[in-house]
């Protein structure tokens, strides 16, 4: 089977590894490739628009933001929901299998799936934190995939936004498009509506 791997180092736009890809592969073939191939240890492997992409483990500041959001969510979500930092979300109609930086999914869904991912439509909230190399995926491609799956809320924490670090909350998905609910600069509060009811202070995020 021909494969395609776009491998990008954290905070750079340099592609370090590429192998051939057969664009005619179907969803089952892509999932089999994702599950069975010997990917570099510690990397995050996703399927984005039918292409398997591999990126290294995120930098410390990236992980710090994810940990702070994770902790904040634990204080507001129902007891039978949990945030996950390595859970795959399958969106077959978009040829996508995403691993968000953070996703909130009911426990019953995760425990009821025997494999390595759950349907993207089961997520209540996804959170992506951009790195310099993958910001376009988070802002455009994955946002469209999350909206198409009907995920109610998408929080984009964009450390590399052109106008400076910012957080944007998207909601009310229609087709593959979200409506912008709120955008704040780092240092301000962004508010997640019910069922979260969370005022998230981005002032605790590292700025650089």
Protein backbone atom coordinates (compact mmCIF):
# COMPACT_ATOMS: atom_id res chain seq x y z
CA UNK A 1 0.00 0.00 0.00
CA UNK A 2 1.32 3.43 -0.89
CA UNK A 3 1.53 5.84 2.01
CA UNK A 4 1.79 9.58 2.51
CA UNK A 5 3.26 11.08 5.62
CA UNK A 6 3.71 14.81 6.11
CA UNK A 7 6.11 15.14 9.03
CA UNK A 8 6.64 18.59 10.53
CA UNK A 9 8.82 19.62 13.43
CA UNK A 10 7.20 21.66 16.22
CA UNK A 11 7.32 25.45 15.66
CA UNK A 12 8.80 25.14 12.14
CA UNK A 13 7.32 24.88 8.68
CA UNK A 14 9.95 22.38 7.53
CA UNK A 15 8.67 19.06 6.18
CA UNK A 16 11.12 16.41 7.33
CA UNK A 17 9.61 13.21 5.95
CA UNK A 18 7.38 12.46 2.97
CA UNK A 19 6.56 9.19 1.27
CA UNK A 20 4.28 8.46 -1.66
CA UNK A 21 0.51 8.46 -1.29
CA UNK A 22 -2.29 6.90 -3.29
CA UNK A 23 -5.17 9.44 -3.35
CA UNK A 24 -7.57 6.65 -4.28
CA UNK A 25 -7.37 5.02 -0.86
CA UNK A 26 -10.68 4.68 0.93
CA UNK A 27 -11.51 5.33 4.57
CA UNK A 28 -10.91 1.76 5.70
CA UNK A 29 -7.49 1.73 4.03
CA UNK A 30 -6.54 4.99 5.71
CA UNK A 31 -7.61 3.76 9.14
CA UNK A 32 -5.70 0.52 8.63
CA UNK A 33 -2.61 2.52 7.70
CA UNK A 34 -3.08 4.75 10.75
CA UNK A 35 -3.49 1.78 13.08
CA UNK A 36 -0.90 -0.63 11.74
CA UNK A 37 2.07 1.41 10.52
CA UNK A 38 5.22 1.83 12.58
CA UNK A 39 5.14 5.57 13.23
CA UNK A 40 7.97 7.42 15.03
CA UNK A 41 7.64 6.95 18.78
CA UNK A 42 6.07 9.85 20.64
CA UNK A 43 4.62 11.53 17.55
CA UNK A 44 1.00 12.52 16.97
CA UNK A 45 -0.46 10.83 13.89
CA UNK A 46 -3.66 12.11 12.30
CA UNK A 47 -5.55 11.77 9.04
CA UNK A 48 -6.37 15.18 7.58
CA UNK A 49 -8.32 15.32 4.31
CA UNK A 50 -7.22 11.80 3.47
CA UNK A 51 -3.52 12.37 4.15
CA UNK A 52 -1.77 10.85 7.13
CA UNK A 53 0.19 13.57 8.92
CA UNK A 54 2.78 13.00 11.61
CA UNK A 55 3.97 15.72 13.97
CA UNK A 56 6.35 15.48 16.93
CA UNK A 57 5.33 15.84 20.54
CA UNK A 58 4.38 19.46 21.32
CA UNK A 59 6.63 21.96 23.07
CA UNK A 60 6.45 22.68 26.80
CA UNK A 61 4.44 25.92 26.51
CA UNK A 62 1.91 24.10 24.35
CA UNK A 63 1.60 21.36 26.98
CA UNK A 64 1.28 23.92 29.75
CA UNK A 65 -1.74 25.53 28.07
CA UNK A 66 -3.38 22.15 27.52
CA UNK A 67 -2.86 21.25 31.18
CA UNK A 68 -4.38 24.53 32.40
CA UNK A 69 -7.47 24.13 30.21
CA UNK A 70 -7.78 20.47 31.25
CA UNK A 71 -7.73 21.44 34.93
CA UNK A 72 -10.31 24.20 34.42
CA UNK A 73 -12.69 21.85 32.58
CA UNK A 74 -12.56 19.25 35.34
CA UNK A 75 -14.21 21.73 37.68
CA UNK A 76 -17.27 22.33 35.50
CA UNK A 77 -18.13 19.27 33.41
CA UNK A 78 -20.60 16.55 34.47
CA UNK A 79 -19.12 13.62 36.38
CA UNK A 80 -19.80 11.25 33.49
CA UNK A 81 -17.81 13.38 31.02
CA UNK A 82 -14.03 13.64 30.84
CA UNK A 83 -11.40 15.65 28.97
CA UNK A 84 -8.87 13.65 26.95
CA UNK A 85 -5.55 14.72 25.41
CA UNK A 86 -4.84 11.70 23.18
CA UNK A 87 -8.27 10.58 21.98
CA UNK A 88 -8.88 10.16 18.25
CA UNK A 89 -12.01 11.57 16.62
CA UNK A 90 -13.17 9.92 13.40
CA UNK A 91 -14.87 11.98 10.68
CA UNK A 92 -15.12 9.56 7.73
CA UNK A 93 -17.10 11.96 5.53
CA UNK A 94 -14.10 14.33 5.67
CA UNK A 95 -11.52 11.53 5.47
CA UNK A 96 -10.38 12.80 8.83
CA UNK A 97 -9.14 11.17 12.00
CA UNK A 98 -8.12 13.96 14.34
CA UNK A 99 -6.38 13.96 17.70
CA UNK A 100 -7.26 17.30 19.29
CA UNK A 101 -5.08 18.78 21.99
CA UNK A 102 -8.11 18.37 24.25
CA UNK A 103 -11.56 16.88 23.71
CA UNK A 104 -14.49 16.42 26.09
CA UNK A 105 -16.51 13.25 25.48
CA UNK A 106 -19.06 11.39 27.63
CA UNK A 107 -17.52 8.39 29.37
CA UNK A 108 -20.16 6.03 27.94
CA UNK A 109 -18.99 6.79 24.40
CA UNK A 110 -15.30 6.19 25.13
CA UNK A 111 -15.93 3.05 27.15
CA UNK A 112 -18.28 1.70 24.49
CA UNK A 113 -15.73 1.90 21.67
CA UNK A 114 -13.20 -0.97 21.54
CA UNK A 115 -10.75 0.75 19.20
CA UNK A 116 -8.46 3.78 19.32
CA UNK A 117 -10.97 6.47 18.39
CA UNK A 118 -14.59 7.55 18.75
CA UNK A 119 -17.00 9.25 16.33
CA UNK A 120 -16.23 12.96 16.14
CA UNK A 121 -19.95 13.65 16.50
CA UNK A 122 -19.78 12.35 20.10
CA UNK A 123 -17.53 15.22 21.25
CA UNK A 124 -19.04 18.06 23.27
CA UNK A 125 -15.99 20.34 22.96
CA UNK A 126 -12.69 20.25 21.10
CA UNK A 127 -9.67 22.40 21.89
CA UNK A 128 -6.73 22.98 19.56
CA UNK A 129 -3.56 24.86 20.46
CA UNK A 130 -1.63 25.98 17.41
CA UNK A 131 2.01 25.40 16.75
CA UNK A 132 3.78 27.41 14.08
CA UNK A 133 3.86 24.46 11.70
CA UNK A 134 0.23 23.32 11.94
CA UNK A 135 -1.70 26.55 12.53
CA UNK A 136 -3.46 26.42 9.14
CA UNK A 137 -4.78 22.93 9.86
CA UNK A 138 -6.22 24.09 13.21
CA UNK A 139 -7.66 27.33 11.83
CA UNK A 140 -9.15 25.96 8.62
CA UNK A 141 -9.06 22.23 7.86
CA UNK A 142 -9.77 20.76 11.26
CA UNK A 143 -12.24 23.53 12.07
CA UNK A 144 -14.26 22.52 9.00
CA UNK A 145 -14.05 18.86 9.99
CA UNK A 146 -15.23 19.55 13.52
CA UNK A 147 -18.10 21.69 12.27
CA UNK A 148 -19.14 19.06 9.71
CA UNK A 149 -19.24 16.48 12.51
CA UNK A 150 -21.61 18.74 14.45
CA UNK A 151 -19.34 19.25 17.46
CA UNK A 152 -21.10 22.03 19.39
CA UNK A 153 -18.04 24.02 20.51
CA UNK A 154 -14.52 24.46 19.17
CA UNK A 155 -11.98 26.45 21.18
CA UNK A 156 -8.96 27.53 19.14
CA UNK A 157 -6.04 28.77 21.22
CA UNK A 158 -3.86 30.44 18.62
CA UNK A 159 -0.41 31.29 19.94
CA UNK A 160 0.64 32.26 16.41
CA UNK A 161 -2.32 34.42 15.33
CA UNK A 162 -1.18 37.20 12.95
CA UNK A 163 -2.40 39.94 15.29
CA UNK A 164 -0.89 38.31 18.38
CA UNK A 165 -1.81 35.38 20.62
CA UNK A 166 -5.58 34.96 20.83
CA UNK A 167 -8.33 32.50 21.72
CA UNK A 168 -11.47 32.07 19.65
CA UNK A 169 -14.59 30.13 20.60
CA UNK A 170 -16.61 28.76 17.70
CA UNK A 171 -20.12 27.35 17.90
CA UNK A 172 -23.44 26.83 16.11
CA UNK A 173 -22.00 24.59 13.37
CA UNK A 174 -23.78 24.58 10.04
CA UNK A 175 -22.38 22.38 7.32
CA UNK A 176 -18.63 22.73 7.63
CA UNK A 177 -18.74 26.27 9.04
CA UNK A 178 -18.85 27.59 12.61
CA UNK A 179 -20.02 30.94 13.86
CA UNK A 180 -17.49 32.91 15.90
CA UNK A 181 -18.92 33.26 19.42
CA UNK A 182 -16.04 35.19 21.00
CA UNK A 183 -12.42 36.13 20.35
CA UNK A 184 -10.06 37.46 23.02
CA UNK A 185 -6.41 38.36 23.21
CA UNK A 186 -4.23 36.42 25.61
CA UNK A 187 -4.71 37.98 29.03
CA UNK A 188 -8.49 38.29 28.70
CA UNK A 189 -11.33 35.97 29.72
CA UNK A 190 -13.12 33.77 27.22
CA UNK A 191 -16.48 32.33 28.27
CA UNK A 192 -17.71 28.86 27.38
CA UNK A 193 -21.51 28.61 27.52
CA UNK A 194 -23.52 25.88 29.23
CA UNK A 195 -23.18 22.99 29.73
CA UNK A 196 -19.68 24.23 30.64
CA UNK A 197 -20.40 27.65 32.12
CA UNK A 198 -16.66 28.32 32.26
CA UNK A 199 -14.91 31.68 32.39
CA UNK A 200 -11.42 30.76 31.18
CA UNK A 201 -8.73 33.30 32.04
CA UNK A 202 -6.16 33.25 29.25
CA UNK A 203 -3.88 35.41 31.36
CA UNK A 204 -2.45 32.18 32.76
CA UNK A 205 -1.28 31.06 29.30
CA UNK A 206 2.39 31.53 28.35
CA UNK A 207 2.62 34.31 25.77
CA UNK A 208 5.71 33.22 23.82
